[in-house]
Amino acid sequence: MTAYPETREFFTSRLHQSLLGPGSDMYLGPAATEVLDDFPLQRYYTGILFPDREAEVTPGEEAERLTRNEAADDLPHDASADAVFGTENHAEAGFAPGVAPAAASAGEAAESRDEYAAANHYFPSSLGLTCCVPAEAPVLLITVRGASYRPWQAGTDALAVTLAPNEWERLRPALSDGLHRKLSYDEASAALALLAAPEGTSRRPRTRDYAEVDRLGSRSHALHGSPGVAALEKLLRPAARLWQRVPFEWQFAADLRPMEPKSEKKYEVPADGPTGMVCWVKAYTVAPDPARLADPARRYVKVLVHNAAERHPARQFSNANEHLNAKCRFQVELMAALPDGVPLLPYKPDRTHTLTGDQEAAILNYQYRDCLAYGIGHGAAVCWPAPPEGARLRPSAPHFSPPWMCPA
């Protein structure tokens, strides 16, 4: 039984590294600045915020748009555009740019909504949480963490793998002089590092440095199947397939004091922060329950972080698209806390007094009376430390539930 928590932690850790990241590759170095030998979108499956997609426009739609623009130019200056084209719609309101739902039939509108929902499901561009704070809380501290990936740069970024000293002694004499000068071995850490970009052609038939792997790995060579050849092949990857992780962290205090009921504020990342990230904060106050005079007035705050990078063509949403990989944000986390360690309020107040007519609900409420919830996630799973440290609220990556179990 003592091994059960360790085994469980091992499997959950491996799932976290493989599905969410970072730390899934074999290159040495801190996980925060890991190097991948594949496109990030082909390696990770969750915790990703995609850029918004550009609206697809067919040639017929383009011609119709030009015709409508010409008609608008012929209108008198005091004519109302709404009378001709309907009210203006915005992408953030849930409609595709340039499409007025009033002008579409009911079937077309439903189809448009389904396509929009499917796009958000497979390529989410935002995640968020809603938590509860005292009505008089002046600010909410927000932290956004994550990473972007960029192509690996030879001579600037490090690249190293593990190789035992005895295997290095076998490999070293067989290397060509040109490739040997590009490698460095540290016996203390058993690390074989690449110091300069390989020369030659990486596509078959491979040449120069890349051909060394074929020569040393041939069946007729004594090093065939050795760990040294495997380590060398890991290092001699085409630079275009290597991606360097660049972590980011954005912190700010959301001002709740001047907010009107159900109003929202937009916070943009500073110049030294992650490019293209935007955060929306919306709050509304709930009056105290007359039946529970001891309950304070509560304020619910919804925080939404959005990847507002440059829109990407809808027909180029491929996991192997270099520009899409560069625009995505990975391992995104959103945390909310009150200043000075003040704890958040439970998301749902105690309703024991209202359950007198529902026996099953009363039993469940009693059994789980100590299992308080401090928030809900939007496109994410929310987790929080156990009280009394429960002043922080963090949603994990979208669709990745923390490995916690409810008590029986």
Protein backbone atom coordinates (compact mmCIF):
# COMPACT_ATOMS: atom_id res chain seq x y z
CA MET A 1 0.00 0.00 0.00
CA THR A 2 2.90 2.36 0.59
CA ALA A 3 3.88 2.12 -3.09
CA TYR A 4 0.41 3.08 -4.32
CA PRO A 5 0.78 6.88 -3.96
CA GLU A 6 4.22 6.77 -5.60
CA THR A 7 2.94 4.69 -8.52
CA ARG A 8 -0.05 6.95 -8.95
CA GLU A 9 2.14 10.05 -8.86
CA PHE A 10 4.46 8.51 -11.47
CA PHE A 11 1.63 7.83 -13.93
CA THR A 12 -0.07 11.19 -13.42
CA SER A 13 3.27 12.95 -13.84
CA ARG A 14 3.96 11.10 -17.09
CA LEU A 15 0.48 11.91 -18.39
CA HIS A 16 0.99 15.55 -17.47
CA GLN A 17 4.32 15.70 -19.30
CA SER A 18 3.04 13.85 -22.36
CA LEU A 19 -0.34 15.54 -22.85
CA LEU A 20 0.20 19.01 -21.41
CA GLY A 21 3.95 19.53 -21.08
CA PRO A 22 6.60 20.63 -20.64
CA GLY A 23 9.22 17.94 -20.13
CA SER A 24 8.20 15.35 -22.71
CA ASP A 25 11.46 15.22 -24.68
CA MET A 26 14.84 13.62 -23.93
CA TYR A 27 17.05 16.68 -24.34
CA LEU A 28 18.86 17.83 -21.21
CA GLY A 29 18.07 21.11 -19.52
CA PRO A 30 15.29 22.60 -17.41
CA ALA A 31 11.75 21.77 -18.49
CA ALA A 32 10.88 25.47 -18.50
CA THR A 33 13.14 25.97 -21.53
CA GLU A 34 12.79 22.56 -23.11
CA VAL A 35 13.63 21.77 -26.73
CA LEU A 36 11.29 19.62 -28.83
CA ASP A 37 12.30 17.69 -31.92
CA ASP A 38 8.81 17.99 -33.36
CA PHE A 39 6.14 20.61 -33.85
CA PRO A 40 4.60 21.52 -30.46
CA LEU A 41 1.07 20.95 -31.82
CA GLN A 42 2.06 17.40 -32.79
CA ARG A 43 3.51 16.77 -29.34
CA TYR A 44 0.92 18.24 -26.95
CA TYR A 45 -2.84 17.83 -26.93
CA THR A 46 -4.21 20.09 -24.20
CA GLY A 47 -3.55 23.41 -22.48
CA ILE A 48 -3.30 25.15 -25.86
CA LEU A 49 -4.81 28.50 -26.82
CA PHE A 50 -5.03 28.85 -30.59
CA PRO A 51 -5.26 32.16 -32.44
CA ASP A 52 -8.63 33.19 -33.82
CA ARG A 53 -9.41 31.92 -37.29
CA GLU A 54 -9.89 34.21 -40.24
CA ALA A 55 -13.38 34.05 -41.72
CA GLU A 56 -13.50 32.01 -44.91
CA VAL A 57 -14.78 34.04 -47.88
CA THR A 58 -15.75 32.30 -51.12
CA PRO A 59 -15.53 34.10 -54.49
CA GLY A 60 -19.34 34.48 -54.52
CA GLU A 61 -19.36 36.00 -51.06
CA GLU A 62 -16.55 38.37 -52.06
CA ALA A 63 -18.55 39.56 -55.09
CA GLU A 64 -21.65 40.04 -52.92
CA ARG A 65 -19.62 42.02 -50.38
CA LEU A 66 -18.32 44.34 -53.11
CA THR A 67 -21.86 44.86 -54.43
CA ARG A 68 -23.13 45.74 -50.95
CA ASN A 69 -20.24 48.17 -50.43
CA GLU A 70 -21.10 49.91 -53.70
CA ALA A 71 -24.74 50.16 -52.61
CA ALA A 72 -23.62 51.67 -49.31
CA ASP A 73 -21.62 54.32 -51.17
CA ASP A 74 -24.78 55.36 -53.04
CA LEU A 75 -26.74 55.97 -49.80
CA PRO A 76 -27.35 59.53 -48.59
CA HIS A 77 -24.97 60.59 -45.83
CA ASP A 78 -27.81 60.71 -43.30
CA ALA A 79 -29.17 57.27 -44.19
CA SER A 80 -28.98 54.62 -41.52
CA ALA A 81 -26.72 51.72 -42.41
CA ASP A 82 -28.64 49.55 -39.97
CA ALA A 83 -31.74 49.93 -42.12
CA VAL A 84 -29.99 48.26 -45.03
CA PHE A 85 -27.47 45.88 -43.51
CA GLY A 86 -28.89 45.25 -40.03
CA THR A 87 -27.14 45.91 -36.76
CA GLU A 88 -23.38 45.57 -36.49
CA ASN A 89 -22.02 42.31 -35.07
CA HIS A 90 -18.64 41.66 -33.55
CA ALA A 91 -16.59 38.48 -33.45
CA GLU A 92 -16.28 38.64 -29.66
CA ALA A 93 -20.08 38.53 -29.39
CA GLY A 94 -20.15 35.08 -30.96
CA PHE A 95 -20.88 35.87 -34.61
CA ALA A 96 -18.49 35.61 -37.51
CA PRO A 97 -17.25 39.01 -38.75
CA GLY A 98 -19.42 40.48 -41.48
CA VAL A 99 -22.35 38.10 -40.90
CA ALA A 100 -25.60 39.59 -39.62
CA PRO A 101 -27.80 36.91 -38.04
CA ALA A 102 -30.96 38.87 -38.80
CA ALA A 103 -30.29 38.60 -42.52
CA ALA A 104 -29.83 34.83 -42.46
CA SER A 105 -32.54 32.21 -42.38
CA ALA A 106 -33.16 30.15 -39.26
CA GLY A 107 -31.44 27.11 -40.79
CA GLU A 108 -28.42 29.12 -41.90
CA ALA A 109 -28.14 30.72 -38.50
CA ALA A 110 -28.23 27.34 -36.75
CA GLU A 111 -25.59 25.97 -39.11
CA SER A 112 -23.40 29.01 -38.48
CA ARG A 113 -23.71 28.54 -34.72
CA ASP A 114 -22.81 24.85 -35.00
CA GLU A 115 -19.73 25.63 -37.07
CA TYR A 116 -18.68 28.32 -34.62
CA ALA A 117 -19.16 25.98 -31.65
CA ALA A 118 -17.19 23.22 -33.35
CA ALA A 119 -14.35 25.63 -34.12
CA ASN A 120 -14.16 26.71 -30.49
CA HIS A 121 -14.28 23.11 -29.31
CA TYR A 122 -11.35 21.91 -31.39
CA PHE A 123 -9.33 25.12 -31.49
CA PRO A 124 -10.06 27.03 -28.24
CA SER A 125 -8.64 30.53 -28.08
CA SER A 126 -9.60 31.34 -24.48
CA LEU A 127 -9.99 29.86 -21.02
CA GLY A 128 -11.17 31.33 -17.75
CA LEU A 129 -12.64 30.95 -14.29
CA THR A 130 -15.33 32.46 -12.10
CA CYS A 131 -14.74 32.91 -8.37
CA CYS A 132 -16.49 34.57 -5.46
CA VAL A 133 -15.05 37.40 -3.36
CA PRO A 134 -16.45 39.70 -0.67
CA ALA A 135 -18.44 42.56 -2.15
CA GLU A 136 -16.05 45.11 -0.69
CA ALA A 137 -12.93 43.48 -2.18
CA PRO A 138 -11.06 46.27 -4.02
CA VAL A 139 -8.83 44.22 -6.33
CA LEU A 140 -8.24 40.68 -7.56
CA LEU A 141 -4.68 39.58 -8.27
CA ILE A 142 -4.43 37.79 -11.64
CA THR A 143 -1.51 35.70 -12.87
CA VAL A 144 -1.29 34.23 -16.37
CA ARG A 145 1.43 31.69 -17.09
CA GLY A 146 2.32 29.66 -20.12
CA ALA A 147 4.79 29.43 -22.96
CA SER A 148 5.27 29.95 -26.64
CA TYR A 149 7.58 27.94 -28.88
CA ARG A 150 9.90 29.31 -31.54
CA PRO A 151 12.29 27.60 -33.97
CA TRP A 152 15.54 26.52 -32.33
CA GLN A 153 18.54 28.76 -33.11
CA ALA A 154 21.94 27.14 -33.56
CA GLY A 155 24.72 28.85 -31.61
CA THR A 156 22.21 30.58 -29.30
CA ASP A 157 20.11 27.78 -27.80
CA ALA A 158 21.60 24.77 -26.02
CA LEU A 159 21.08 21.22 -27.21
CA ALA A 160 22.40 18.23 -25.23
CA VAL A 161 21.60 14.59 -24.52
CA THR A 162 22.74 12.05 -21.95
CA LEU A 163 25.50 9.64 -22.90
CA ALA A 164 27.49 7.40 -20.57
CA PRO A 165 31.26 8.04 -20.46
CA ASN A 166 32.12 4.55 -21.75
CA GLU A 167 29.78 5.05 -24.72
CA TRP A 168 31.42 8.39 -25.50
CA GLU A 169 34.83 6.72 -25.50
CA ARG A 170 33.52 4.26 -28.09
CA LEU A 171 31.95 6.97 -30.23
CA ARG A 172 34.67 9.62 -30.14
CA PRO A 173 37.37 7.85 -32.21
CA ALA A 174 34.85 7.01 -34.95
CA LEU A 175 33.72 10.61 -35.52
CA SER A 176 34.97 12.69 -38.40
CA ASP A 177 37.12 15.71 -37.50
CA GLY A 178 34.50 18.17 -38.73
CA LEU A 179 31.69 16.69 -36.63
CA HIS A 180 33.93 16.17 -33.60
CA ARG A 181 34.64 19.92 -33.45
CA LYS A 182 30.90 20.62 -33.29
CA LEU A 183 30.42 18.37 -30.25
CA SER A 184 31.31 18.80 -26.59
CA TYR A 185 31.22 16.17 -23.86
CA ASP A 186 31.04 16.82 -20.10
CA GLU A 187 31.98 13.71 -18.17
CA ALA A 188 30.76 15.07 -14.83
CA SER A 189 27.17 15.41 -16.10
CA ALA A 190 27.46 12.74 -18.82
CA ALA A 191 26.15 15.28 -21.33
CA LEU A 192 26.89 15.34 -25.04
CA ALA A 193 26.17 18.80 -26.47
CA LEU A 194 25.96 20.25 -29.97
CA LEU A 195 27.94 23.51 -30.25
CA ALA A 196 27.27 24.50 -33.86
CA ALA A 197 24.70 23.78 -36.52
CA PRO A 198 25.36 20.59 -38.53
CA GLU A 199 26.49 20.98 -42.12
CA GLY A 200 25.15 19.12 -45.10
CA THR A 201 21.76 17.89 -46.29
CA SER A 202 19.41 16.26 -43.82
CA ARG A 203 17.20 14.70 -46.49
CA ARG A 204 18.21 11.39 -47.97
CA PRO A 205 20.68 10.87 -49.40
CA ARG A 206 22.16 12.72 -46.43
CA THR A 207 25.55 14.39 -46.75
CA ARG A 208 28.47 15.56 -44.57
CA ASP A 209 27.58 15.70 -40.84
CA TYR A 210 24.17 14.09 -41.31
CA ALA A 211 25.76 11.23 -43.25
CA GLU A 212 27.81 10.32 -40.16
CA VAL A 213 24.72 8.82 -38.56
CA ASP A 214 24.16 6.59 -41.59
CA ARG A 215 27.82 5.53 -41.67
CA LEU A 216 28.15 4.75 -37.96
CA GLY A 217 24.71 3.15 -37.79
CA SER A 218 25.18 0.82 -40.73
CA ARG A 219 25.00 -2.90 -40.02
CA SER A 220 28.61 -3.35 -41.04
CA HIS A 221 29.91 -0.86 -38.44
CA ALA A 222 30.89 -1.88 -34.91
CA LEU A 223 28.74 0.91 -33.43
CA HIS A 224 25.54 -0.31 -35.09
CA GLY A 225 22.69 -0.05 -32.57
CA SER A 226 24.86 1.56 -29.88
CA PRO A 227 23.63 4.32 -27.51
CA GLY A 228 26.28 6.63 -28.97
CA VAL A 229 24.77 6.49 -32.46
CA ALA A 230 21.28 7.01 -31.01
CA ALA A 231 22.49 10.08 -29.10
CA LEU A 232 24.20 11.42 -32.20
CA GLU A 233 21.04 10.98 -34.27
CA LYS A 234 19.06 12.80 -31.60
CA LEU A 235 21.43 15.78 -31.80
CA LEU A 236 21.64 15.92 -35.59
CA ARG A 237 18.05 16.88 -36.19
CA PRO A 238 17.17 19.40 -38.89
CA ALA A 239 17.05 22.84 -37.28
CA ALA A 240 13.61 23.42 -38.82
CA ARG A 241 12.18 20.58 -36.70
CA LEU A 242 13.60 21.80 -33.37
CA TRP A 243 11.47 24.13 -31.23
CA GLN A 244 12.61 26.11 -28.19
CA ARG A 245 10.21 26.79 -25.32
CA VAL A 246 9.95 30.42 -24.15
CA PRO A 247 8.03 30.71 -20.85
CA PHE A 248 6.06 33.81 -19.87
CA GLU A 249 4.30 35.14 -16.79
CA TRP A 250 1.93 38.10 -16.69
CA GLN A 251 0.70 39.54 -13.38
CA PHE A 252 -1.69 42.41 -12.80
CA ALA A 253 -4.27 43.62 -10.29
CA ALA A 254 -7.82 43.78 -11.63
CA ASP A 255 -9.54 46.81 -10.10
CA LEU A 256 -13.01 45.82 -8.88
CA ARG A 257 -14.01 49.05 -7.16
CA PRO A 258 -15.38 51.19 -10.01
CA MET A 259 -17.00 48.27 -11.83
CA GLU A 260 -20.69 48.60 -12.51
CA PRO A 261 -22.95 45.54 -12.23
CA LYS A 262 -22.19 43.07 -15.04
CA SER A 263 -19.64 45.45 -16.56
CA GLU A 264 -16.36 44.21 -17.96
CA LYS A 265 -12.83 45.50 -18.32
CA LYS A 266 -10.14 44.65 -20.83
CA TYR A 267 -6.52 44.27 -19.71
CA GLU A 268 -3.80 44.14 -22.35
CA VAL A 269 -0.38 42.68 -21.76
CA PRO A 270 2.47 45.21 -21.31
CA ALA A 271 5.24 45.59 -23.86
CA ASP A 272 7.56 43.22 -21.99
CA GLY A 273 4.90 40.52 -21.60
CA PRO A 274 3.66 37.71 -23.83
CA THR A 275 2.65 39.00 -27.25
CA GLY A 276 -1.03 38.97 -28.10
CA MET A 277 -2.50 37.99 -24.72
CA VAL A 278 -5.63 39.80 -23.52
CA CYS A 279 -7.59 39.35 -20.29
CA TRP A 280 -11.24 40.27 -19.68
CA VAL A 281 -12.63 40.76 -16.16
CA LYS A 282 -16.35 40.93 -15.44
CA ALA A 283 -18.01 41.26 -12.02
CA TYR A 284 -21.48 41.41 -10.54
CA THR A 285 -22.68 41.65 -6.94
CA VAL A 286 -25.23 39.41 -5.22
CA ALA A 287 -27.18 40.87 -2.32
CA PRO A 288 -27.24 38.98 1.03
CA ASP A 289 -29.84 36.26 1.45
CA PRO A 290 -32.65 37.59 3.69
CA ALA A 291 -33.05 34.10 5.19
CA ARG A 292 -29.34 34.04 6.11
CA LEU A 293 -28.50 37.39 7.61
CA ALA A 294 -25.04 36.16 8.53
CA ASP A 295 -24.10 35.68 4.86
CA PRO A 296 -22.21 38.69 3.53
CA ALA A 297 -22.82 40.37 0.21
CA ARG A 298 -20.92 38.51 -2.46
CA ARG A 299 -19.31 39.49 -5.74
CA TYR A 300 -18.74 37.00 -8.53
CA VAL A 301 -15.78 37.76 -10.78
CA LYS A 302 -15.28 36.12 -14.16
CA VAL A 303 -11.77 36.21 -15.61
CA LEU A 304 -11.13 35.20 -19.22
CA VAL A 305 -7.71 35.06 -20.90
CA HIS A 306 -7.68 35.14 -24.69
CA ASN A 307 -5.02 34.52 -27.32
CA ALA A 308 -5.43 37.66 -29.43
CA ALA A 309 -2.45 37.01 -31.69
CA GLU A 310 -2.74 37.65 -35.40
CA ARG A 311 -5.64 35.72 -36.92
CA HIS A 312 -4.69 32.58 -38.80
CA PRO A 313 -6.19 31.42 -42.12
CA ALA A 314 -8.97 28.92 -41.47
CA ARG A 315 -7.68 26.52 -44.13
CA GLN A 316 -4.19 26.40 -42.61
CA PHE A 317 -5.04 24.97 -39.19
CA SER A 318 -2.57 22.12 -39.52
CA ASN A 319 -0.46 20.79 -36.66
CA ALA A 320 2.56 20.97 -38.96
CA ASN A 321 2.01 24.61 -39.93
CA GLU A 322 5.01 26.58 -38.66
CA HIS A 323 3.16 29.90 -38.34
CA LEU A 324 0.28 28.31 -36.42
CA ASN A 325 2.71 26.66 -33.97
CA ALA A 326 4.38 30.02 -33.38
CA LYS A 327 1.04 31.80 -32.73
CA CYS A 328 -0.30 29.24 -30.24
CA ARG A 329 0.22 29.52 -26.48
CA PHE A 330 0.93 26.33 -24.57
CA GLN A 331 0.61 25.13 -20.95
CA VAL A 332 -1.58 28.14 -20.15
CA GLU A 333 -2.55 28.65 -16.51
CA LEU A 334 -4.71 31.35 -14.97
CA MET A 335 -4.58 32.10 -11.24
CA ALA A 336 -6.68 34.43 -9.11
CA ALA A 337 -6.10 35.50 -5.50
CA LEU A 338 -7.06 38.25 -3.09
CA PRO A 339 -4.35 40.51 -1.61
CA ASP A 340 -2.78 39.89 1.81
CA GLY A 341 -3.76 36.23 1.81
CA VAL A 342 -7.49 36.93 2.22
CA PRO A 343 -9.30 33.71 1.26
CA LEU A 344 -11.85 33.50 -1.51
CA LEU A 345 -15.45 32.84 -0.55
CA PRO A 346 -17.01 29.46 -1.41
CA TYR A 347 -18.56 29.62 -4.86
CA LYS A 348 -21.93 28.39 -3.55
CA PRO A 349 -23.18 29.55 -0.15
CA ASP A 350 -24.54 27.14 2.44
CA ARG A 351 -28.08 26.17 1.40
CA THR A 352 -28.81 23.61 4.11
CA HIS A 353 -31.83 25.59 5.26
CA THR A 354 -33.41 25.38 1.81
CA LEU A 355 -33.13 21.58 1.43
CA THR A 356 -35.83 20.54 3.89
CA GLY A 357 -38.05 19.27 1.08
CA ASP A 358 -35.35 17.30 -0.74
CA GLN A 359 -34.06 14.46 1.42
CA GLU A 360 -31.46 13.22 -1.08
CA ALA A 361 -30.01 16.71 -1.57
CA ALA A 362 -29.92 17.21 2.19
CA ILE A 363 -28.00 13.93 2.64
CA LEU A 364 -25.48 14.79 -0.06
CA ASN A 365 -25.06 18.28 1.32
CA TYR A 366 -24.35 16.82 4.76
CA GLN A 367 -21.92 14.16 3.50
CA TYR A 368 -19.89 16.68 1.50
CA ARG A 369 -20.25 19.60 3.91
CA ASP A 370 -16.46 19.89 4.19
CA CYS A 371 -15.85 19.74 0.42
CA LEU A 372 -16.20 23.38 -0.52
CA ALA A 373 -15.90 24.62 -4.09
CA TYR A 374 -14.20 27.94 -4.71
CA GLY A 375 -14.88 28.43 -8.38
CA ILE A 376 -15.80 27.02 -11.76
CA GLY A 377 -13.73 26.82 -14.94
CA HIS A 378 -14.54 27.90 -18.47
CA GLY A 379 -12.78 25.58 -20.89
CA ALA A 380 -10.59 24.49 -17.99
CA ALA A 381 -10.61 22.45 -14.81
CA VAL A 382 -10.29 24.49 -11.62
CA CYS A 383 -8.24 23.43 -8.60
CA TRP A 384 -7.37 25.11 -5.32
CA PRO A 385 -5.27 24.35 -2.22
CA ALA A 386 -7.05 23.03 0.81
CA PRO A 387 -8.04 25.64 3.43
CA PRO A 388 -6.67 27.57 5.23
CA GLU A 389 -4.32 28.25 2.30
CA GLY A 390 -7.33 28.41 -0.01
CA ALA A 391 -6.84 32.02 -1.01
CA ARG A 392 -5.66 31.11 -4.50
CA LEU A 393 -7.64 29.69 -7.37
CA ARG A 394 -6.06 28.19 -10.45
CA PRO A 395 -7.58 26.58 -13.50
CA SER A 396 -5.41 23.91 -15.00
CA ALA A 397 -5.12 23.41 -18.73
CA PRO A 398 -8.36 23.01 -20.70
CA HIS A 399 -9.86 19.53 -20.53
CA PHE A 400 -7.15 18.28 -18.12
CA SER A 401 -8.65 17.40 -14.76
CA PRO A 402 -6.34 17.28 -11.74
CA PRO A 403 -5.93 13.73 -10.36
CA TRP A 404 -7.99 14.29 -7.23
CA MET A 405 -10.67 11.98 -5.88
CA CYS A 406 -13.75 12.95 -3.91
CA PRO A 407 -14.14 11.22 -0.55
CA ALA A 408 -16.63 8.39 -0.37
